[in-house]
Amino acid sequence: MILWITSYGRSGNTFFRVVLHHLYNVNTFAAFNASEVLLNAGADRLVGYKELPPPLQAAVKVGNASQIKRALDELETSPELFIFKTHAWATDLF
């Protein structure tokens, strides 16, 4: 299952991710126009940052829209929860 945290930059989604991580022990991913500046500051543990799942990471690296869609569809049908932070519009994803 996928849950999207979509917002404009500087709108509080990082704070929301910190709350999710510290209150509920939930980790999150950054994808699609969402730079993870916390990595540069060494604060990835603060927000509960995780690297993209390998199939999605490979698809994003190649930039193949149909491969990205397949990887997301696979994650959507999984019983595991994947929470993605993004600043992309839905039309920007594919």
PDB file of N, CA and C in Angstrom:
ATOM      1  N   MET A   1       0.843  -1.173   0.000  1.00  0.00           N
ATOM      2  CA  MET A   1       0.000   0.000   0.000  1.00  0.00           C
ATOM      3  C   MET A   1       0.891   1.239   0.000  1.00  0.00           C
ATOM      4  N   ILE A   2       0.489   2.237  -0.749  1.00  0.00           N
ATOM      5  CA  ILE A   2       1.251   3.481  -0.848  1.00  0.00           C
ATOM      6  C   ILE A   2       0.419   4.618  -0.260  1.00  0.00           C
ATOM      7  N   LEU A   3       1.088   5.437   0.521  1.00  0.00           N
ATOM      8  CA  LEU A   3       0.510   6.681   1.022  1.00  0.00           C
ATOM      9  C   LEU A   3       1.420   7.797   0.548  1.00  0.00           C
ATOM     10  N   TRP A   4       0.844   8.809  -0.093  1.00  0.00           N
ATOM     11  CA  TRP A   4       1.616   9.926  -0.623  1.00  0.00           C
ATOM     12  C   TRP A   4       1.491  11.130   0.301  1.00  0.00           C
ATOM     13  N   ILE A   5       2.620  11.740   0.625  1.00  0.00           N
ATOM     14  CA  ILE A   5       2.646  13.034   1.303  1.00  0.00           C
ATOM     15  C   ILE A   5       3.060  14.025   0.225  1.00  0.00           C
ATOM     16  N   THR A   6       2.092  14.712  -0.330  1.00  0.00           N
ATOM     17  CA  THR A   6       2.353  15.642  -1.423  1.00  0.00           C
ATOM     18  C   THR A   6       2.083  17.062  -0.957  1.00  0.00           C
ATOM     19  N   SER A   7       3.048  17.911  -1.206  1.00  0.00           N
ATOM     20  CA  SER A   7       2.898  19.286  -0.760  1.00  0.00           C
ATOM     21  C   SER A   7       3.932  20.170  -1.450  1.00  0.00           C
ATOM     22  N   TYR A   8       3.781  21.442  -1.222  1.00  0.00           N
ATOM     23  CA  TYR A   8       4.793  22.390  -1.671  1.00  0.00           C
ATOM     24  C   TYR A   8       5.969  22.335  -0.714  1.00  0.00           C
ATOM     25  N   GLY A   9       7.159  22.655  -1.225  1.00  0.00           N
ATOM     26  CA  GLY A   9       8.323  22.741  -0.362  1.00  0.00           C
ATOM     27  C   GLY A   9       8.110  23.759   0.747  1.00  0.00           C
ATOM     28  N   ARG A  10       8.676  23.480   1.911  1.00  0.00           N
ATOM     29  CA  ARG A  10       8.614  24.353   3.087  1.00  0.00           C
ATOM     30  C   ARG A  10       7.198  24.450   3.673  1.00  0.00           C
ATOM     31  N   SER A  11       6.388  23.400   3.460  1.00  0.00           N
ATOM     32  CA  SER A  11       5.010  23.438   3.958  1.00  0.00           C
ATOM     33  C   SER A  11       4.798  22.568   5.199  1.00  0.00           C
ATOM     34  N   GLY A  12       5.835  21.931   5.677  1.00  0.00           N
ATOM     35  CA  GLY A  12       5.710  21.162   6.913  1.00  0.00           C
ATOM     36  C   GLY A  12       5.704  19.661   6.749  1.00  0.00           C
ATOM     37  N   ASN A  13       5.948  19.149   5.546  1.00  0.00           N
ATOM     38  CA  ASN A  13       5.892  17.695   5.416  1.00  0.00           C
ATOM     39  C   ASN A  13       7.052  17.004   6.134  1.00  0.00           C
ATOM     40  N   THR A  14       8.189  17.656   6.268  1.00  0.00           N
ATOM     41  CA  THR A  14       9.300  17.048   7.014  1.00  0.00           C
ATOM     42  C   THR A  14       8.937  16.946   8.488  1.00  0.00           C
ATOM     43  N   PHE A  15       8.306  17.970   9.023  1.00  0.00           N
ATOM     44  CA  PHE A  15       7.847  17.898  10.412  1.00  0.00           C
ATOM     45  C   PHE A  15       6.852  16.752  10.578  1.00  0.00           C
ATOM     46  N   PHE A  16       5.932  16.618   9.635  1.00  0.00           N
ATOM     47  CA  PHE A  16       4.960  15.527   9.675  1.00  0.00           C
ATOM     48  C   PHE A  16       5.669  14.172   9.650  1.00  0.00           C
ATOM     49  N   ARG A  17       6.714  14.045   8.840  1.00  0.00           N
ATOM     50  CA  ARG A  17       7.476  12.796   8.764  1.00  0.00           C
ATOM     51  C   ARG A  17       8.205  12.521  10.076  1.00  0.00           C
ATOM     52  N   VAL A  18       8.725  13.554  10.731  1.00  0.00           N
ATOM     53  CA  VAL A  18       9.379  13.392  12.039  1.00  0.00           C
ATOM     54  C   VAL A  18       8.357  12.870  13.055  1.00  0.00           C
ATOM     55  N   VAL A  19       7.170  13.437  13.046  1.00  0.00           N
ATOM     56  CA  VAL A  19       6.113  12.983  13.958  1.00  0.00           C
ATOM     57  C   VAL A  19       5.754  11.528  13.672  1.00  0.00           C
ATOM     58  N   LEU A  20       5.549  11.192  12.407  1.00  0.00           N
ATOM     59  CA  LEU A  20       5.247   9.802  12.053  1.00  0.00           C
ATOM     60  C   LEU A  20       6.318   8.846  12.567  1.00  0.00           C
ATOM     61  N   HIS A  21       7.566   9.253  12.394  1.00  0.00           N
ATOM     62  CA  HIS A  21       8.675   8.382  12.777  1.00  0.00           C
ATOM     63  C   HIS A  21       8.778   8.223  14.299  1.00  0.00           C
ATOM     64  N   HIS A  22       8.679   9.327  15.017  1.00  0.00           N
ATOM     65  CA  HIS A  22       8.906   9.271  16.463  1.00  0.00           C
ATOM     66  C   HIS A  22       7.687   8.814  17.260  1.00  0.00           C
ATOM     67  N   LEU A  23       6.497   9.103  16.804  1.00  0.00           N
ATOM     68  CA  LEU A  23       5.309   8.652  17.531  1.00  0.00           C
ATOM     69  C   LEU A  23       4.858   7.253  17.125  1.00  0.00           C
ATOM     70  N   TYR A  24       5.035   6.915  15.836  1.00  0.00           N
ATOM     71  CA  TYR A  24       4.501   5.655  15.328  1.00  0.00           C
ATOM     72  C   TYR A  24       5.566   4.723  14.758  1.00  0.00           C
ATOM     73  N   ASN A  25       6.839   5.121  14.834  1.00  0.00           N
ATOM     74  CA  ASN A  25       7.944   4.306  14.317  1.00  0.00           C
ATOM     75  C   ASN A  25       7.761   3.955  12.835  1.00  0.00           C
ATOM     76  N   VAL A  26       7.308   4.940  12.072  1.00  0.00           N
ATOM     77  CA  VAL A  26       7.072   4.769  10.646  1.00  0.00           C
ATOM     78  C   VAL A  26       8.190   5.461   9.880  1.00  0.00           C
ATOM     79  N   ASN A  27       8.773   4.761   8.924  1.00  0.00           N
ATOM     80  CA  ASN A  27       9.799   5.340   8.058  1.00  0.00           C
ATOM     81  C   ASN A  27       9.159   5.816   6.765  1.00  0.00           C
ATOM     82  N   THR A  28       9.825   6.753   6.091  1.00  0.00           N
ATOM     83  CA  THR A  28       9.283   7.318   4.858  1.00  0.00           C
ATOM     84  C   THR A  28      10.368   7.405   3.789  1.00  0.00           C
ATOM     85  N   PHE A  29       9.919   7.602   2.570  1.00  0.00           N
ATOM     86  CA  PHE A  29      10.794   7.707   1.404  1.00  0.00           C
ATOM     87  C   PHE A  29      10.612   9.087   0.773  1.00  0.00           C
ATOM     88  N   ALA A  30      11.634   9.576   0.085  1.00  0.00           N
ATOM     89  CA  ALA A  30      11.538  10.812  -0.687  1.00  0.00           C
ATOM     90  C   ALA A  30      11.674  10.452  -2.160  1.00  0.00           C
ATOM     91  N   ALA A  31      10.744  10.955  -2.973  1.00  0.00           N
ATOM     92  CA  ALA A  31      10.782  10.610  -4.399  1.00  0.00           C
ATOM     93  C   ALA A  31      10.128  11.703  -5.225  1.00  0.00           C
ATOM     94  N   PHE A  32      10.525  11.782  -6.491  1.00  0.00           N
ATOM     95  CA  PHE A  32       9.868  12.623  -7.474  1.00  0.00           C
ATOM     96  C   PHE A  32       9.859  14.096  -7.070  1.00  0.00           C
ATOM     97  N   ASN A  33      10.913  14.771  -7.398  1.00  0.00           N
ATOM     98  CA  ASN A  33      11.066  16.209  -7.129  1.00  0.00           C
ATOM     99  C   ASN A  33      11.133  16.524  -5.641  1.00  0.00           C
ATOM    100  N   ALA A  34      11.561  15.574  -4.847  1.00  0.00           N
ATOM    101  CA  ALA A  34      11.659  15.799  -3.398  1.00  0.00           C
ATOM    102  C   ALA A  34      13.104  15.579  -2.986  1.00  0.00           C
ATOM    103  N   SER A  35      13.876  16.632  -2.948  1.00  0.00           N
ATOM    104  CA  SER A  35      15.258  16.476  -2.499  1.00  0.00           C
ATOM    105  C   SER A  35      15.245  16.195  -1.003  1.00  0.00           C
ATOM    106  N   GLU A  36      16.212  15.467  -0.565  1.00  0.00           N
ATOM    107  CA  GLU A  36      16.286  15.090   0.848  1.00  0.00           C
ATOM    108  C   GLU A  36      17.489  15.787   1.453  1.00  0.00           C
ATOM    109  N   VAL A  37      17.332  17.069   1.755  1.00  0.00           N
ATOM    110  CA  VAL A  37      18.429  17.863   2.288  1.00  0.00           C
ATOM    111  C   VAL A  37      18.872  17.350   3.659  1.00  0.00           C
ATOM    112  N   LEU A  38      18.002  16.639   4.340  1.00  0.00           N
ATOM    113  CA  LEU A  38      18.371  16.102   5.647  1.00  0.00           C
ATOM    114  C   LEU A  38      19.521  15.111   5.549  1.00  0.00           C
ATOM    115  N   LEU A  39      19.665  14.466   4.408  1.00  0.00           N
ATOM    116  CA  LEU A  39      20.768  13.523   4.231  1.00  0.00           C
ATOM    117  C   LEU A  39      22.102  14.240   4.325  1.00  0.00           C
ATOM    118  N   ASN A  40      22.168  15.424   3.724  1.00  0.00           N
ATOM    119  CA  ASN A  40      23.407  16.202   3.758  1.00  0.00           C
ATOM    120  C   ASN A  40      23.746  16.652   5.170  1.00  0.00           C
ATOM    121  N   ALA A  41      22.727  16.849   5.989  1.00  0.00           N
ATOM    122  CA  ALA A  41      22.939  17.289   7.368  1.00  0.00           C
ATOM    123  C   ALA A  41      23.135  16.110   8.314  1.00  0.00           C
ATOM    124  N   GLY A  42      23.026  14.895   7.796  1.00  0.00           N
ATOM    125  CA  GLY A  42      23.174  13.714   8.638  1.00  0.00           C
ATOM    126  C   GLY A  42      21.978  13.491   9.555  1.00  0.00           C
ATOM    127  N   ALA A  43      20.829  14.030   9.177  1.00  0.00           N
ATOM    128  CA  ALA A  43      19.643  13.937  10.028  1.00  0.00           C
ATOM    129  C   ALA A  43      18.620  12.939   9.489  1.00  0.00           C
ATOM    130  N   ASP A  44      19.075  11.988   8.666  1.00  0.00           N
ATOM    131  CA  ASP A  44      18.150  11.026   8.078  1.00  0.00           C
ATOM    132  C   ASP A  44      17.431  10.186   9.132  1.00  0.00           C
ATOM    133  N   ARG A  45      18.104   9.891  10.249  1.00  0.00           N
ATOM    134  CA  ARG A  45      17.454   9.114  11.310  1.00  0.00           C
ATOM    135  C   ARG A  45      16.379   9.930  12.009  1.00  0.00           C
ATOM    136  N   LEU A  46      16.533  11.239  12.043  1.00  0.00           N
ATOM    137  CA  LEU A  46      15.539  12.100  12.682  1.00  0.00           C
ATOM    138  C   LEU A  46      14.183  11.971  11.999  1.00  0.00           C
ATOM    139  N   VAL A  47      14.205  11.892  10.682  1.00  0.00           N
ATOM    140  CA  VAL A  47      12.964  11.853   9.913  1.00  0.00           C
ATOM    141  C   VAL A  47      12.530  10.423   9.575  1.00  0.00           C
ATOM    142  N   GLY A  48      13.376   9.440   9.814  1.00  0.00           N
ATOM    143  CA  GLY A  48      13.033   8.066   9.467  1.00  0.00           C
ATOM    144  C   GLY A  48      13.143   7.799   7.983  1.00  0.00           C
ATOM    145  N   TYR A  49      14.139   8.405   7.357  1.00  0.00           N
ATOM    146  CA  TYR A  49      14.352   8.280   5.910  1.00  0.00           C
ATOM    147  C   TYR A  49      14.768   6.872   5.541  1.00  0.00           C
ATOM    148  N   LYS A  50      14.199   6.350   4.459  1.00  0.00           N
ATOM    149  CA  LYS A  50      14.615   5.073   3.879  1.00  0.00           C
ATOM    150  C   LYS A  50      14.904   5.285   2.404  1.00  0.00           C
ATOM    151  N   GLU A  51      15.828   4.503   1.887  1.00  0.00           N
ATOM    152  CA  GLU A  51      16.103   4.534   0.443  1.00  0.00           C
ATOM    153  C   GLU A  51      14.917   3.930  -0.288  1.00  0.00           C
ATOM    154  N   LEU A  52      14.700   4.368  -1.515  1.00  0.00           N
ATOM    155  CA  LEU A  52      13.612   3.819  -2.315  1.00  0.00           C
ATOM    156  C   LEU A  52      13.760   2.312  -2.454  1.00  0.00           C
ATOM    157  N   PRO A  53      12.657   1.583  -2.508  1.00  0.00           N
ATOM    158  CA  PRO A  53      12.738   0.141  -2.752  1.00  0.00           C
ATOM    159  C   PRO A  53      13.481  -0.110  -4.064  1.00  0.00           C
ATOM    160  N   PRO A  54      14.309  -1.156  -4.126  1.00  0.00           N
ATOM    161  CA  PRO A  54      15.170  -1.389  -5.300  1.00  0.00           C
ATOM    162  C   PRO A  54      14.469  -1.333  -6.655  1.00  0.00           C
ATOM    163  N   PRO A  55      13.299  -1.970  -6.853  1.00  0.00           N
ATOM    164  CA  PRO A  55      12.687  -1.872  -8.189  1.00  0.00           C
ATOM    165  C   PRO A  55      12.330  -0.437  -8.573  1.00  0.00           C
ATOM    166  N   LEU A  56      11.832   0.335  -7.620  1.00  0.00           N
ATOM    167  CA  LEU A  56      11.476   1.726  -7.909  1.00  0.00           C
ATOM    168  C   LEU A  56      12.729   2.569  -8.096  1.00  0.00           C
ATOM    169  N   GLN A  57      13.729   2.327  -7.291  1.00  0.00           N
ATOM    170  CA  GLN A  57      14.988   3.067  -7.404  1.00  0.00           C
ATOM    171  C   GLN A  57      15.600   2.860  -8.796  1.00  0.00           C
ATOM    172  N   ALA A  58      15.601   1.619  -9.279  1.00  0.00           N
ATOM    173  CA  ALA A  58      16.152   1.323 -10.606  1.00  0.00           C
ATOM    174  C   ALA A  58      15.334   1.999 -11.700  1.00  0.00           C
ATOM    175  N   ALA A  59      14.009   1.976 -11.559  1.00  0.00           N
ATOM    176  CA  ALA A  59      13.138   2.584 -12.565  1.00  0.00           C
ATOM    177  C   ALA A  59      13.323   4.099 -12.613  1.00  0.00           C
ATOM    178  N   VAL A  60      13.446   4.727 -11.454  1.00  0.00           N
ATOM    179  CA  VAL A  60      13.647   6.178 -11.393  1.00  0.00           C
ATOM    180  C   VAL A  60      14.995   6.545 -11.990  1.00  0.00           C
ATOM    181  N   LYS A  61      16.004   5.749 -11.700  1.00  0.00           N
ATOM    182  CA  LYS A  61      17.353   6.025 -12.222  1.00  0.00           C
ATOM    183  C   LYS A  61      17.360   6.010 -13.748  1.00  0.00           C
ATOM    184  N   VAL A  62      16.664   5.046 -14.328  1.00  0.00           N
ATOM    185  CA  VAL A  62      16.588   4.933 -15.784  1.00  0.00           C
ATOM    186  C   VAL A  62      15.662   6.006 -16.354  1.00  0.00           C
ATOM    187  N   GLY A  63      14.643   6.389 -15.585  1.00  0.00           N
ATOM    188  CA  GLY A  63      13.700   7.400 -16.048  1.00  0.00           C
ATOM    189  C   GLY A  63      12.629   6.856 -16.969  1.00  0.00           C
ATOM    190  N   ASN A  64      12.402   5.552 -16.922  1.00  0.00           N
ATOM    191  CA  ASN A  64      11.410   4.921 -17.775  1.00  0.00           C
ATOM    192  C   ASN A  64      10.045   4.978 -17.100  1.00  0.00           C
ATOM    193  N   ALA A  65       9.123   5.737 -17.681  1.00  0.00           N
ATOM    194  CA  ALA A  65       7.810   5.959 -17.064  1.00  0.00           C
ATOM    195  C   ALA A  65       7.029   4.669 -16.857  1.00  0.00           C
ATOM    196  N   SER A  66       7.031   3.779 -17.840  1.00  0.00           N
ATOM    197  CA  SER A  66       6.265   2.532 -17.686  1.00  0.00           C
ATOM    198  C   SER A  66       6.888   1.633 -16.628  1.00  0.00           C
ATOM    199  N   GLN A  67       8.191   1.651 -16.518  1.00  0.00           N
ATOM    200  CA  GLN A  67       8.882   0.866 -15.485  1.00  0.00           C
ATOM    201  C   GLN A  67       8.577   1.444 -14.093  1.00  0.00           C
ATOM    202  N   ILE A  68       8.533   2.766 -13.982  1.00  0.00           N
ATOM    203  CA  ILE A  68       8.178   3.416 -12.719  1.00  0.00           C
ATOM    204  C   ILE A  68       6.754   3.036 -12.339  1.00  0.00           C
ATOM    205  N   LYS A  69       5.839   3.098 -13.301  1.00  0.00           N
ATOM    206  CA  LYS A  69       4.436   2.750 -13.050  1.00  0.00           C
ATOM    207  C   LYS A  69       4.304   1.311 -12.584  1.00  0.00           C
ATOM    208  N   ARG A  70       5.018   0.389 -13.223  1.00  0.00           N
ATOM    209  CA  ARG A  70       4.972  -1.023 -12.809  1.00  0.00           C
ATOM    210  C   ARG A  70       5.491  -1.195 -11.392  1.00  0.00           C
ATOM    211  N   ALA A  71       6.603  -0.511 -11.070  1.00  0.00           N
ATOM    212  CA  ALA A  71       7.179  -0.616  -9.722  1.00  0.00           C
ATOM    213  C   ALA A  71       6.201  -0.067  -8.681  1.00  0.00           C
ATOM    214  N   LEU A  72       5.556   1.062  -8.984  1.00  0.00           N
ATOM    215  CA  LEU A  72       4.578   1.632  -8.055  1.00  0.00           C
ATOM    216  C   LEU A  72       3.356   0.730  -7.909  1.00  0.00           C
ATOM    217  N   ASP A  73       2.902   0.138  -9.005  1.00  0.00           N
ATOM    218  CA  ASP A  73       1.770  -0.781  -8.942  1.00  0.00           C
ATOM    219  C   ASP A  73       2.092  -1.980  -8.052  1.00  0.00           C
ATOM    220  N   GLU A  74       3.314  -2.471  -8.161  1.00  0.00           N
ATOM    221  CA  GLU A  74       3.751  -3.603  -7.338  1.00  0.00           C
ATOM    222  C   GLU A  74       3.762  -3.216  -5.855  1.00  0.00           C
ATOM    223  N   LEU A  75       4.261  -2.029  -5.547  1.00  0.00           N
ATOM    224  CA  LEU A  75       4.273  -1.566  -4.155  1.00  0.00           C
ATOM    225  C   LEU A  75       2.852  -1.337  -3.647  1.00  0.00           C
ATOM    226  N   GLU A  76       1.978  -0.847  -4.502  1.00  0.00           N
ATOM    227  CA  GLU A  76       0.587  -0.582  -4.112  1.00  0.00           C
ATOM    228  C   GLU A  76      -0.143  -1.859  -3.696  1.00  0.00           C
ATOM    229  N   THR A  77       0.166  -2.961  -4.344  1.00  0.00           N
ATOM    230  CA  THR A  77      -0.508  -4.226  -4.025  1.00  0.00           C
ATOM    231  C   THR A  77       0.135  -4.950  -2.848  1.00  0.00           C
ATOM    232  N   SER A  78       1.259  -4.468  -2.375  1.00  0.00           N
ATOM    233  CA  SER A  78       1.957  -5.091  -1.247  1.00  0.00           C
ATOM    234  C   SER A  78       1.207  -4.810   0.059  1.00  0.00           C
ATOM    235  N   PRO A  79       1.240  -5.753   0.995  1.00  0.00           N
ATOM    236  CA  PRO A  79       0.622  -5.479   2.307  1.00  0.00           C
ATOM    237  C   PRO A  79       1.444  -4.502   3.149  1.00  0.00           C
ATOM    238  N   GLU A  80       2.710  -4.291   2.767  1.00  0.00           N
ATOM    239  CA  GLU A  80       3.581  -3.349   3.476  1.00  0.00           C
ATOM    240  C   GLU A  80       3.176  -1.915   3.132  1.00  0.00           C
ATOM    241  N   LEU A  81       3.334  -1.007   4.092  1.00  0.00           N
ATOM    242  CA  LEU A  81       3.014   0.403   3.875  1.00  0.00           C
ATOM    243  C   LEU A  81       4.255   1.149   3.399  1.00  0.00           C
ATOM    244  N   PHE A  82       4.125   1.857   2.283  1.00  0.00           N
ATOM    245  CA  PHE A  82       5.186   2.690   1.740  1.00  0.00           C
ATOM    246  C   PHE A  82       4.687   4.129   1.749  1.00  0.00           C
ATOM    247  N   ILE A  83       5.362   4.994   2.506  1.00  0.00           N
ATOM    248  CA  ILE A  83       4.969   6.398   2.584  1.00  0.00           C
ATOM    249  C   ILE A  83       6.001   7.223   1.833  1.00  0.00           C
ATOM    250  N   PHE A  84       5.541   7.900   0.774  1.00  0.00           N
ATOM    251  CA  PHE A  84       6.420   8.689  -0.074  1.00  0.00           C
ATOM    252  C   PHE A  84       6.145  10.173   0.096  1.00  0.00           C
ATOM    253  N   LYS A  85       7.214  10.928   0.319  1.00  0.00           N
ATOM    254  CA  LYS A  85       7.156  12.396   0.286  1.00  0.00           C
ATOM    255  C   LYS A  85       7.476  12.817  -1.142  1.00  0.00           C
ATOM    256  N   THR A  86       6.706  13.752  -1.659  1.00  0.00           N
ATOM    257  CA  THR A  86       6.989  14.263  -2.990  1.00  0.00           C
ATOM    258  C   THR A  86       6.533  15.717  -3.101  1.00  0.00           C
ATOM    259  N   HIS A  87       7.151  16.430  -4.000  1.00  0.00           N
ATOM    260  CA  HIS A  87       6.706  17.766  -4.337  1.00  0.00           C
ATOM    261  C   HIS A  87       6.214  17.793  -5.799  1.00  0.00           C
ATOM    262  N   ALA A  88       6.106  16.620  -6.397  1.00  0.00           N
ATOM    263  CA  ALA A  88       5.698  16.535  -7.807  1.00  0.00           C
ATOM    264  C   ALA A  88       4.183  16.563  -7.936  1.00  0.00           C
ATOM    265  N   TRP A  89       3.722  17.163  -9.014  1.00  0.00           N
ATOM    266  CA  TRP A  89       2.311  17.066  -9.370  1.00  0.00           C
ATOM    267  C   TRP A  89       2.065  15.662  -9.899  1.00  0.00           C
ATOM    268  N   ALA A  90       0.862  15.176  -9.789  1.00  0.00           N
ATOM    269  CA  ALA A  90       0.547  13.836 -10.293  1.00  0.00           C
ATOM    270  C   ALA A  90       0.905  13.709 -11.777  1.00  0.00           C
ATOM    271  N   THR A  91       0.711  14.765 -12.543  1.00  0.00           N
ATOM    272  CA  THR A  91       1.020  14.728 -13.972  1.00  0.00           C
ATOM    273  C   THR A  91       2.519  14.687 -14.235  1.00  0.00           C
ATOM    274  N   ASP A  92       3.346  15.033 -13.234  1.00  0.00           N
ATOM    275  CA  ASP A  92       4.799  15.008 -13.392  1.00  0.00           C
ATOM    276  C   ASP A  92       5.380  13.613 -13.180  1.00  0.00           C
ATOM    277  N   LEU A  93       4.602  12.714 -12.583  1.00  0.00           N
ATOM    278  CA  LEU A  93       5.156  11.415 -12.203  1.00  0.00           C
ATOM    279  C   LEU A  93       5.430  10.525 -13.409  1.00  0.00           C
ATOM    280  N   PHE A  94       4.597  10.619 -14.433  1.00  0.00           N
ATOM    281  CA  PHE A  94       4.766   9.708 -15.560  1.00  0.00           C
ATOM    282  C   PHE A  94       4.893  10.490 -16.846  1.00  0.00           C
TER     283      PHE A  94
END
